[in-house]
Amino acid sequence: MAKRLAIKMVKSAIGYRSKAKDSLKALGLRKLHQTVEHDDTPVIRGMINVVSHLVEVNEIKGAKK
């Protein structure tokens, strides 16, 4: 069973580098307090590391694939 992550944007990207803005866009986050779900992969973890100061990440327990 693959792990799933719930990623919530908790801070605006205004005033941050374009790399952070592009990572948020790639994760599917457009609005403040929006939550998206992704599989826990190295690619997703890398994008989360770039915007760790803007997002909140929670592991979804019992996620089915």
C-alpha atoms as a PDB file:
ATOM      1  CA  MET A   1       0.000   0.000   0.000  1.00  0.00           C
ATOM      2  CA  ALA A   2       1.420   3.355  -1.044  1.00  0.00           C
ATOM      3  CA  LYS A   3       1.518   6.233   1.407  1.00  0.00           C
ATOM      4  CA  ARG A   4      -0.546   9.302   0.631  1.00  0.00           C
ATOM      5  CA  LEU A   5       0.196  12.851   1.719  1.00  0.00           C
ATOM      6  CA  ALA A   6      -2.252  15.690   2.339  1.00  0.00           C
ATOM      7  CA  ILE A   7      -0.542  18.970   1.459  1.00  0.00           C
ATOM      8  CA  LYS A   8      -2.162  22.239   2.558  1.00  0.00           C
ATOM      9  CA  MET A   9      -1.009  25.713   1.531  1.00  0.00           C
ATOM     10  CA  VAL A  10      -0.922  27.807   4.733  1.00  0.00           C
ATOM     11  CA  LYS A  11       1.058  30.854   3.593  1.00  0.00           C
ATOM     12  CA  SER A  12       0.971  32.922   0.420  1.00  0.00           C
ATOM     13  CA  ALA A  13       3.788  32.717  -2.116  1.00  0.00           C
ATOM     14  CA  ILE A  14       3.761  36.469  -2.712  1.00  0.00           C
ATOM     15  CA  GLY A  15       7.287  37.821  -2.299  1.00  0.00           C
ATOM     16  CA  TYR A  16       9.009  34.448  -2.686  1.00  0.00           C
ATOM     17  CA  ARG A  17      11.210  33.208  -5.513  1.00  0.00           C
ATOM     18  CA  SER A  18       9.709  31.830  -8.709  1.00  0.00           C
ATOM     19  CA  LYS A  19      11.104  28.380  -7.830  1.00  0.00           C
ATOM     20  CA  ALA A  20       8.750  28.250  -4.838  1.00  0.00           C
ATOM     21  CA  LYS A  21       5.811  29.516  -6.885  1.00  0.00           C
ATOM     22  CA  ASP A  22       6.483  26.949  -9.611  1.00  0.00           C
ATOM     23  CA  SER A  23       6.653  24.148  -7.038  1.00  0.00           C
ATOM     24  CA  LEU A  24       3.285  25.161  -5.582  1.00  0.00           C
ATOM     25  CA  LYS A  25       1.792  25.203  -9.048  1.00  0.00           C
ATOM     26  CA  ALA A  26       3.246  21.767  -9.828  1.00  0.00           C
ATOM     27  CA  LEU A  27       1.760  20.407  -6.594  1.00  0.00           C
ATOM     28  CA  GLY A  28      -1.641  21.730  -7.680  1.00  0.00           C
ATOM     29  CA  LEU A  29      -1.922  24.414  -5.013  1.00  0.00           C
ATOM     30  CA  ARG A  30      -3.480  27.661  -6.210  1.00  0.00           C
ATOM     31  CA  LYS A  31      -5.333  29.137  -3.244  1.00  0.00           C
ATOM     32  CA  LEU A  32      -4.578  29.674   0.417  1.00  0.00           C
ATOM     33  CA  HIS A  33      -5.863  26.841   2.664  1.00  0.00           C
ATOM     34  CA  GLN A  34      -6.365  24.559  -0.348  1.00  0.00           C
ATOM     35  CA  THR A  35      -5.520  20.894   0.282  1.00  0.00           C
ATOM     36  CA  VAL A  36      -4.341  18.359  -2.293  1.00  0.00           C
ATOM     37  CA  GLU A  37      -3.406  14.690  -1.996  1.00  0.00           C
ATOM     38  CA  HIS A  38      -0.376  13.062  -3.607  1.00  0.00           C
ATOM     39  CA  ASP A  39       1.464   9.760  -3.377  1.00  0.00           C
ATOM     40  CA  ASP A  40       4.582   9.863  -1.221  1.00  0.00           C
ATOM     41  CA  THR A  41       7.329   9.809  -3.868  1.00  0.00           C
ATOM     42  CA  PRO A  42      10.822  11.337  -3.943  1.00  0.00           C
ATOM     43  CA  VAL A  43       9.668  13.868  -6.554  1.00  0.00           C
ATOM     44  CA  ILE A  44       6.793  15.101  -4.383  1.00  0.00           C
ATOM     45  CA  ARG A  45       9.042  15.178  -1.294  1.00  0.00           C
ATOM     46  CA  GLY A  46      11.541  17.330  -3.220  1.00  0.00           C
ATOM     47  CA  MET A  47       8.856  19.842  -4.151  1.00  0.00           C
ATOM     48  CA  ILE A  48       7.652  19.906  -0.538  1.00  0.00           C
ATOM     49  CA  ASN A  49      11.212  20.644   0.642  1.00  0.00           C
ATOM     50  CA  VAL A  50      11.347  23.691  -1.643  1.00  0.00           C
ATOM     51  CA  VAL A  51       8.111  25.125  -0.192  1.00  0.00           C
ATOM     52  CA  SER A  52       8.228  23.687   3.334  1.00  0.00           C
ATOM     53  CA  HIS A  53       7.808  27.186   4.798  1.00  0.00           C
ATOM     54  CA  LEU A  54       4.533  27.668   2.864  1.00  0.00           C
ATOM     55  CA  VAL A  55       2.801  24.315   3.313  1.00  0.00           C
ATOM     56  CA  GLU A  56       1.658  21.877   5.982  1.00  0.00           C
ATOM     57  CA  VAL A  57       2.024  18.151   5.250  1.00  0.00           C
ATOM     58  CA  ASN A  58       0.117  15.297   6.882  1.00  0.00           C
ATOM     59  CA  GLU A  59       0.275  11.588   6.152  1.00  0.00           C
ATOM     60  CA  ILE A  60      -3.094  10.032   5.364  1.00  0.00           C
ATOM     61  CA  LYS A  61      -3.522   6.837   7.330  1.00  0.00           C
ATOM     62  CA  GLY A  62      -5.331   3.898   5.786  1.00  0.00           C
ATOM     63  CA  ALA A  63      -5.012   5.258   2.257  1.00  0.00           C
ATOM     64  CA  LYS A  64      -5.963   2.740  -0.397  1.00  0.00           C
ATOM     65  CA  LYS A  65      -4.323   2.570  -3.776  1.00  0.00           C
END
